[in-house]
Protein backbone atom coordinates (compact mmCIF):
# COMPACT_ATOMS: atom_id res chain seq x y z
CA MET A 1 7.42 -22.99 17.86
CA ALA A 2 4.11 -24.06 19.31
CA ALA A 3 1.61 -25.72 17.01
CA SER A 4 -0.69 -22.68 17.15
CA GLY A 5 2.25 -20.49 16.14
CA LYS A 6 3.03 -22.75 13.18
CA SER A 7 -0.58 -22.66 12.10
CA ALA A 8 -0.58 -18.86 12.34
CA ILE A 9 2.56 -18.68 10.19
CA ARG A 10 0.95 -20.93 7.58
CA PHE A 11 -2.13 -18.72 7.50
CA ILE A 12 -0.05 -15.56 7.12
CA VAL A 13 1.88 -17.22 4.30
CA ALA A 14 -1.42 -18.21 2.65
CA LEU A 15 -2.52 -14.56 2.74
CA GLY A 16 0.93 -13.65 1.49
CA VAL A 17 0.58 -15.91 -1.55
CA ILE A 18 -2.70 -14.20 -2.43
CA SER A 19 -1.05 -10.81 -2.05
CA LEU A 20 1.95 -11.93 -4.10
CA PHE A 21 -0.15 -12.78 -7.16
CA ALA A 22 -2.39 -9.76 -6.60
CA ASP A 23 0.61 -7.44 -6.47
CA VAL A 24 2.05 -8.91 -9.65
CA THR A 25 -1.23 -7.81 -11.19
CA TYR A 26 -1.89 -4.31 -9.90
CA GLU A 27 1.65 -3.21 -9.10
CA GLY A 28 2.68 -4.28 -12.58
CA ALA A 29 -0.06 -2.00 -13.85
CA ARG A 30 0.81 0.85 -11.47
CA SER A 31 4.40 0.84 -12.72
CA VAL A 32 3.20 2.14 -16.10
CA ASN A 33 -0.13 3.81 -15.31
CA GLY A 34 1.48 7.25 -15.34
CA PRO A 35 3.18 6.93 -18.75
CA PHE A 36 0.11 5.13 -20.14
CA LEU A 37 -2.15 8.00 -19.12
CA GLY A 38 0.40 10.33 -20.69
CA THR A 39 0.16 8.52 -24.03
CA LEU A 40 -3.63 8.99 -23.88
CA GLY A 41 -3.32 12.75 -23.44
CA ALA A 42 -3.18 13.27 -19.66
CA ASP A 43 -0.76 15.81 -18.14
CA ALA A 44 1.00 15.91 -14.75
CA VAL A 45 -1.97 17.55 -13.00
CA VAL A 46 -4.37 14.88 -14.31
CA ILE A 47 -1.99 12.06 -13.40
CA GLY A 48 -1.50 13.43 -9.90
CA PHE A 49 -5.26 13.89 -9.53
CA VAL A 50 -6.12 10.41 -10.81
CA SER A 51 -3.51 8.77 -8.58
CA GLY A 52 -4.80 10.66 -5.58
CA ALA A 53 -8.45 10.10 -6.47
CA GLY A 54 -7.88 6.37 -6.74
CA GLU A 55 -6.29 6.26 -3.33
CA LEU A 56 -9.04 8.52 -1.93
CA ALA A 57 -11.79 6.22 -3.21
CA GLY A 58 -10.03 3.17 -1.81
CA TYR A 59 -9.35 4.71 1.57
CA LEU A 60 -12.80 6.24 1.99
CA LEU A 61 -14.31 2.81 1.37
CA ARG A 62 -12.06 1.38 4.09
CA LEU A 63 -13.99 3.23 6.76
CA ALA A 64 -17.31 1.67 5.73
CA ALA A 65 -15.63 -1.70 5.12
CA GLY A 66 -13.94 -1.58 8.53
CA VAL A 67 -17.18 -0.79 10.36
CA ALA A 68 -18.93 -3.55 8.38
CA ALA A 69 -16.16 -5.99 9.33
CA ASP A 70 -16.62 -5.21 13.05
CA ARG A 71 -20.39 -5.50 12.92
CA THR A 72 -20.71 -8.59 10.74
CA ARG A 73 -17.40 -10.40 11.36
CA ALA A 74 -17.70 -11.28 7.64
CA TYR A 75 -13.97 -10.99 7.12
CA TRP A 76 -13.70 -13.47 4.28
CA PRO A 77 -16.72 -12.27 2.22
CA LEU A 78 -15.48 -8.66 2.35
CA THR A 79 -11.97 -9.75 1.46
CA ILE A 80 -13.14 -11.90 -1.46
CA PHE A 81 -15.44 -9.26 -2.94
CA GLY A 82 -12.73 -6.60 -2.73
CA TYR A 83 -10.13 -8.78 -4.40
CA ILE A 84 -12.48 -9.60 -7.29
CA VAL A 85 -13.07 -5.90 -8.04
CA ASN A 86 -9.43 -5.02 -7.40
CA LEU A 87 -8.05 -7.65 -9.77
CA LEU A 88 -10.52 -7.61 -12.66
CA ALA A 89 -10.07 -3.87 -13.27
CA VAL A 90 -6.44 -4.33 -14.33
CA PRO A 91 -6.74 -6.51 -17.46
CA LEU A 92 -9.67 -4.34 -18.57
CA MET A 93 -7.13 -1.50 -18.93
CA ALA A 94 -6.05 -3.24 -22.14
CA LEU A 95 -9.30 -2.02 -23.70
CA SER A 96 -8.86 1.64 -22.74
CA ASN A 97 -8.57 4.11 -25.63
CA HIS A 98 -9.13 7.33 -23.65
CA TRP A 99 -7.49 8.56 -20.47
CA GLY A 100 -10.93 8.99 -18.84
CA ILE A 101 -11.71 5.27 -19.22
CA ALA A 102 -8.26 4.32 -17.93
CA ALA A 103 -8.69 6.72 -14.99
CA LEU A 104 -12.02 5.14 -14.09
CA LEU A 105 -10.49 1.66 -14.05
CA ILE A 106 -7.53 2.88 -11.97
CA ILE A 107 -9.97 4.28 -9.42
CA LEU A 108 -12.07 1.08 -9.51
CA GLU A 109 -8.99 -1.04 -8.85
CA ARG A 110 -8.12 1.08 -5.81
CA ALA A 111 -11.74 0.92 -4.63
CA GLY A 112 -11.64 -2.88 -4.63
CA LYS A 113 -8.49 -2.78 -2.54
CA GLY A 114 -10.25 -0.42 -0.14
CA VAL A 115 -13.10 -2.84 0.42
CA ARG A 116 -10.93 -5.84 1.22
CA THR A 117 -8.07 -4.31 3.20
CA PRO A 118 -9.60 -3.71 6.69
CA ALA A 119 -11.04 -7.24 6.92
CA ARG A 120 -7.79 -8.77 5.73
CA ASP A 121 -5.76 -6.67 8.17
CA VAL A 122 -7.98 -7.79 11.05
CA MET A 123 -7.28 -11.41 10.09
CA LEU A 124 -3.56 -10.62 9.92
CA ALA A 125 -3.70 -8.98 13.36
CA GLN A 126 -5.46 -12.06 14.75
CA ALA A 127 -2.84 -14.45 13.40
CA SER A 128 0.18 -12.28 14.23
CA SER A 129 -0.89 -11.77 17.85
CA ILE A 130 0.96 -14.95 18.85
CA ILE A 131 4.13 -14.50 16.77
CA GLY A 132 4.73 -10.73 17.06
CA ARG A 133 2.76 -8.22 15.06
CA GLY A 134 5.76 -6.52 13.52
CA TRP A 135 7.03 -9.88 12.28
CA GLY A 136 3.58 -11.02 11.12
CA PHE A 137 2.85 -7.87 9.15
CA GLY A 138 6.46 -7.72 7.95
CA LEU A 139 6.33 -11.30 6.62
CA HIS A 140 3.09 -10.56 4.80
CA GLU A 141 4.53 -7.34 3.41
CA PHE A 142 7.63 -9.21 2.20
CA MET A 143 5.50 -11.63 0.19
CA ASP A 144 3.32 -8.76 -0.98
CA GLN A 145 6.33 -6.88 -2.26
CA THR A 146 7.78 -9.97 -3.90
CA GLY A 147 4.79 -9.79 -6.20
CA ALA A 148 5.27 -6.04 -6.54
CA PHE A 149 8.86 -6.77 -7.66
CA ILE A 150 7.86 -9.39 -10.23
CA GLY A 151 4.90 -7.50 -11.72
CA PRO A 152 6.81 -4.52 -13.14
CA LEU A 153 9.45 -6.86 -14.58
CA VAL A 154 6.72 -8.76 -16.41
CA VAL A 155 5.39 -5.47 -17.76
CA ALA A 156 8.89 -4.33 -18.75
CA LEU A 157 9.44 -7.58 -20.66
CA VAL A 158 6.14 -7.27 -22.53
CA LEU A 159 6.87 -3.62 -23.37
CA HIS A 160 10.34 -4.53 -24.58
CA GLN A 161 8.96 -7.25 -26.85
CA THR A 162 5.80 -5.56 -28.14
CA GLY A 163 6.00 -1.86 -27.27
CA GLN A 164 2.28 -1.93 -26.46
CA TYR A 165 0.85 -1.01 -23.07
CA SER A 166 -2.38 -2.86 -23.91
CA ASN A 167 -0.49 -6.15 -24.27
CA ALA A 168 1.13 -5.64 -20.85
CA TYR A 169 -2.24 -5.08 -19.16
CA ALA A 170 -3.72 -8.14 -20.90
CA VAL A 171 -0.90 -10.43 -19.70
CA LEU A 172 -1.66 -9.39 -16.11
CA ALA A 173 -4.93 -11.36 -16.33
CA ILE A 174 -2.85 -14.49 -15.61
CA PRO A 175 -1.61 -13.53 -12.10
CA ALA A 176 -5.07 -12.08 -11.39
CA GLY A 177 -6.57 -15.52 -11.96
CA LEU A 178 -3.91 -17.19 -9.80
CA ALA A 179 -4.61 -14.72 -6.97
CA LEU A 180 -8.30 -15.51 -7.01
CA ALA A 181 -7.63 -19.26 -7.04
CA SER A 182 -5.28 -18.85 -4.04
CA LEU A 183 -7.90 -16.74 -2.27
CA PHE A 184 -10.62 -19.38 -2.44
CA THR A 185 -8.15 -22.09 -1.40
CA ALA A 186 -7.10 -20.13 1.70
CA ARG A 187 -10.74 -19.53 2.59
CA LYS A 188 -11.37 -23.29 2.45
CA PHE A 189 -8.50 -24.21 4.78
CA TYR A 190 -8.76 -21.27 7.22
CA PRO A 191 -12.47 -20.40 7.54
CA ASP A 192 -12.15 -18.83 11.03
CA PRO A 193 -8.91 -16.87 11.65
CA SER A 194 -10.24 -15.52 14.96
CA ARG A 195 -9.15 -18.79 16.59
CA PHE A 196 -5.56 -17.50 16.46
CA GLU A 197 -6.35 -14.94 19.17
CA GLU A 198 -5.15 -16.18 22.54
CA GLU A 199 -7.99 -14.29 24.21
CA GLN A 200 -11.26 -13.58 22.49
CA PRO A 201 -12.28 -9.90 22.73
CA SER A 202 -15.10 -8.96 25.02
CA PRO A 203 -17.80 -6.59 23.75
CA THR A 204 -16.85 -2.93 23.86
CA PRO A 205 -19.30 -0.65 25.71
CA ALA A 206 -21.32 1.61 23.41
CA ASN A 207 -19.83 4.75 24.96
CA ASP A 208 -16.26 3.49 24.75
CA HIS A 209 -13.92 5.55 22.56
CA LEU A 210 -10.71 4.87 20.75
CA PRO A 211 -7.82 6.20 22.88
CA ARG A 212 -6.23 9.62 22.40
CA ALA A 213 -2.95 8.02 21.30
CA PHE A 214 -4.76 6.40 18.39
CA TRP A 215 -5.94 9.78 17.11
CA ILE A 216 -2.46 11.29 17.45
CA TYR A 217 -1.13 8.33 15.51
CA VAL A 218 -3.78 8.82 12.81
CA ALA A 219 -2.76 12.48 12.46
CA ALA A 220 0.86 11.44 12.04
CA ALA A 221 -0.06 8.87 9.42
CA GLY A 222 -2.05 11.54 7.57
CA LEU A 223 1.01 13.77 7.35
CA LEU A 224 3.05 10.85 6.04
CA ALA A 225 0.42 10.25 3.38
CA ALA A 226 0.28 13.92 2.37
CA GLY A 227 4.02 13.92 1.73
CA PHE A 228 4.06 10.61 -0.11
CA VAL A 229 4.92 10.90 -3.80
CA ASP A 230 3.13 8.16 -5.70
CA PHE A 231 5.25 6.36 -8.27
CA PRO A 232 3.11 7.35 -11.30
CA LEU A 233 4.35 10.92 -10.86
CA PHE A 234 7.94 9.69 -10.60
CA ALA A 235 7.33 7.65 -13.77
CA TYR A 236 5.83 10.66 -15.54
CA HIS A 237 8.89 12.71 -14.55
CA PHE A 238 11.24 10.04 -15.93
CA GLN A 239 9.29 9.96 -19.21
CA LYS A 240 9.02 13.75 -19.53
CA THR A 241 12.72 14.37 -18.88
CA ALA A 242 13.82 11.29 -20.88
CA LEU A 243 15.84 10.27 -17.84
CA LEU A 244 14.71 6.66 -18.36
CA SER A 245 13.51 4.71 -21.40
CA PRO A 246 9.92 3.34 -21.23
CA PRO A 247 10.98 -0.26 -20.42
CA MET A 248 13.45 0.99 -17.78
CA ILE A 249 10.73 2.76 -15.77
CA PRO A 250 9.00 -0.45 -14.57
CA ILE A 251 12.44 -1.95 -13.89
CA PHE A 252 13.16 0.93 -11.50
CA TYR A 253 9.78 0.33 -9.90
CA ALA A 254 10.51 -3.38 -9.59
CA GLY A 255 13.79 -2.58 -7.85
CA ALA A 256 11.97 -0.32 -5.40
CA MET A 257 9.42 -3.05 -4.68
CA GLY A 258 12.18 -5.59 -4.08
CA ILE A 259 13.88 -3.24 -1.63
CA GLU A 260 10.53 -2.54 0.02
CA GLY A 261 9.92 -6.24 0.58
CA LEU A 262 13.33 -6.85 2.16
CA THR A 263 13.16 -3.79 4.40
CA ALA A 264 9.65 -4.79 5.47
CA LEU A 265 11.10 -7.96 7.01
CA VAL A 266 13.94 -6.07 8.70
CA PHE A 267 11.79 -3.25 10.05
CA GLY A 268 9.05 -5.65 11.12
CA LYS A 269 11.53 -7.40 13.39
CA LEU A 270 12.96 -4.08 14.56
CA PHE A 271 9.48 -2.84 15.40
CA ASP A 272 8.90 -5.80 17.73
CA LYS A 273 12.20 -4.97 19.48
CA ILE A 274 12.47 -1.15 19.54
CA GLY A 275 8.96 0.02 18.70
CA ILE A 276 8.18 3.31 17.00
CA SER A 277 11.84 4.25 16.48
CA ALA A 278 11.95 1.76 13.61
CA LEU A 279 9.10 3.57 11.86
CA ILE A 280 10.67 6.99 12.42
CA PHE A 281 13.89 5.86 10.75
CA GLY A 282 11.82 4.65 7.80
CA VAL A 283 10.17 8.08 7.53
CA LEU A 284 13.59 9.73 7.25
CA LEU A 285 14.50 7.39 4.38
CA SER A 286 11.26 8.20 2.57
CA ALA A 287 11.63 11.97 3.06
CA ALA A 288 15.11 11.89 1.50
CA SER A 289 13.87 10.27 -1.70
CA SER A 290 11.99 13.16 -3.36
CA PRO A 291 14.87 15.60 -3.94
CA LEU A 292 17.05 12.84 -5.34
CA VAL A 293 14.40 11.65 -7.79
CA PHE A 294 13.08 15.03 -8.96
CA LEU A 295 16.25 17.14 -8.85
CA GLY A 296 19.05 14.67 -9.53
CA SER A 297 20.77 12.81 -12.35
CA PHE A 298 20.21 9.20 -13.37
CA ASN A 299 22.36 7.92 -10.50
CA ALA A 300 20.70 10.21 -7.96
CA ALA A 301 17.28 9.11 -9.19
CA ALA A 302 18.30 5.47 -8.76
CA VAL A 303 19.35 6.12 -5.17
CA GLY A 304 16.17 8.13 -4.57
CA VAL A 305 13.91 5.35 -5.84
CA ALA A 306 15.82 2.87 -3.65
CA LEU A 307 15.29 5.09 -0.57
CA TRP A 308 11.62 5.49 -1.56
CA GLY A 309 11.26 1.71 -1.58
CA ALA A 310 13.13 1.30 1.72
CA GLY A 311 11.02 3.97 3.40
CA MET A 312 7.83 2.39 2.12
CA GLY A 313 8.90 -1.03 3.38
CA ALA A 314 9.53 0.38 6.84
CA GLN A 315 6.20 2.19 6.91
CA GLN A 316 4.04 -0.55 5.42
CA SER A 317 5.29 -3.22 7.84
CA THR A 318 4.98 -1.08 10.97
CA LEU A 319 2.16 1.45 10.48
CA ARG A 320 -0.58 -1.20 10.43
CA ALA A 321 1.04 -3.25 13.18
CA LYS A 322 0.92 -0.35 15.64
CA VAL A 323 -2.81 0.23 15.03
CA ALA A 324 -3.52 -3.22 16.48
CA SER A 325 -1.93 -2.20 19.80
CA LEU A 326 -3.76 1.14 19.95
CA ALA A 327 -7.32 -0.17 19.49
CA PRO A 328 -9.49 -2.69 21.39
CA ALA A 329 -9.59 -6.04 19.63
CA ASP A 330 -13.31 -5.87 18.86
CA ARG A 331 -12.90 -2.41 17.29
CA ARG A 332 -9.90 -3.11 15.10
CA GLY A 333 -11.96 -3.09 11.91
CA THR A 334 -13.27 0.39 12.73
CA ALA A 335 -9.81 1.54 13.81
CA TYR A 336 -8.25 0.32 10.57
CA GLY A 337 -11.10 1.94 8.64
CA ILE A 338 -10.60 5.32 10.33
CA PHE A 339 -6.83 5.09 10.03
CA ASN A 340 -6.97 4.24 6.33
CA THR A 341 -9.64 6.83 5.53
CA VAL A 342 -7.64 9.69 7.03
CA TYR A 343 -4.53 8.32 5.34
CA GLY A 344 -6.34 8.22 1.99
CA VAL A 345 -7.94 11.66 2.21
CA LEU A 346 -4.60 13.28 2.97
CA TRP A 347 -2.89 11.12 0.35
CA PHE A 348 -5.33 12.53 -2.21
CA ALA A 349 -4.84 16.10 -1.02
CA GLY A 350 -1.07 15.70 -0.95
CA SER A 351 -0.95 13.94 -4.33
CA ALA A 352 -3.01 16.66 -5.99
CA THR A 353 -0.89 19.38 -4.35
CA ILE A 354 2.38 17.75 -5.40
CA GLY A 355 1.07 17.30 -8.95
CA ILE A 356 0.11 20.99 -9.17
CA LEU A 357 3.42 22.12 -7.66
CA TYR A 358 5.31 19.87 -10.07
CA GLY A 359 3.86 21.80 -13.01
CA ARG A 360 4.67 25.18 -11.46
CA ALA A 361 7.80 24.84 -9.34
CA LEU A 362 9.52 21.49 -8.97
CA SER A 363 11.43 22.65 -5.88
CA GLY A 364 8.09 23.50 -4.25
CA ALA A 365 6.83 19.96 -4.83
CA VAL A 366 9.97 18.57 -3.21
CA ALA A 367 9.78 20.94 -0.24
CA PHE A 368 6.12 20.08 0.39
CA ALA A 369 6.73 16.31 0.25
CA MET A 370 9.71 16.45 2.61
CA SER A 371 8.14 18.85 5.11
CA ALA A 372 4.91 16.87 5.52
CA GLN A 373 6.74 13.67 6.30
CA ILE A 374 9.21 15.23 8.72
CA LEU A 375 6.39 16.99 10.60
CA ALA A 376 4.90 13.56 11.33
CA ILE A 377 7.88 12.43 13.41
CA PRO A 378 7.08 14.16 16.75
CA LEU A 379 3.48 12.91 16.56
CA LEU A 380 4.68 9.37 15.89
CA TRP A 381 7.02 9.57 18.85
CA THR A 382 4.22 10.77 21.15
CA ALA A 383 1.73 8.10 20.05
CA GLY A 384 4.33 5.37 19.79
CA ARG A 385 4.92 5.18 23.51
CA LYS A 386 1.26 4.37 24.17
CA SER A 387 -0.82 1.21 23.85
CA ILE A 388 -4.12 0.07 25.29
């Protein structure tokens, strides 16, 4: 591999290390946020609303953060600020004694992620341009999900030993500190990731627009988001039905995150070879998960959570990679901001809808989740054959 390619790999790995520690922190928390809110008096509707509201806040902020990234090129400052907010909110959950306080911190954590994600994704797109974007984003997602695998296991261990959610949140301050230390180290060694681009982008005319294929792709991603069942609702279902013990719930989540990381690598490579077909296959895996989790036995739920993780791995490693080929290089921040904002708004709407349907007719929640994701497939196929 050429020296520039090796340097790009090292940079992607550096970002991956940050994400690994960060995911130990907030994915460990997310594995028990649903049951924790339940112990504080929240019901399924509240949990679905809080989960969706957190994602909505984070994704709405991505539009402003993406535009700011394009205008200022301040990729590192935006990334650093977002990580600080994102990570510090988690250990503060240990102090929550009311579901409203916990909900506010959950939303704050997602908001921090929203601020830092577009700038970080632009830097990832810059580095992966010379090694294959599917592989670059897939490698980062693999490291990201390694942390998401470890975090819930840490939480499960603390819950098993102490039985206290507050202790689990407090322990997560350790990986949060390691993530921030890794972040400032990476910033020191790679101050200007734009050098990884083989060709520097030329200014985009003021009247230039993002292509039609991009907007079709955004619509498809919105449908995927609307049909996505966030794990806190799965966790609440497991607790309510006594299908899993409290320590077993984060173990299931850890397993899903491990599967997501491995499939991210596989589907990232597949995306570079066969394009959008890899993503479509991942959507089918994700769509099949809901009926197994909500309507099945212990074994069916285990398979459903595994398919949920596999589908997420396929989507997370390929959805962002395709955006980079549908938008001009100097408008990627804006493109990622728009993409993520639409994704987040429909995630919120879908999450709230699924939460309401869960309390009224479980089969309706399943039908809604499956239908939304399957309806995205023809739009993905149409947009997937285009690039700028």
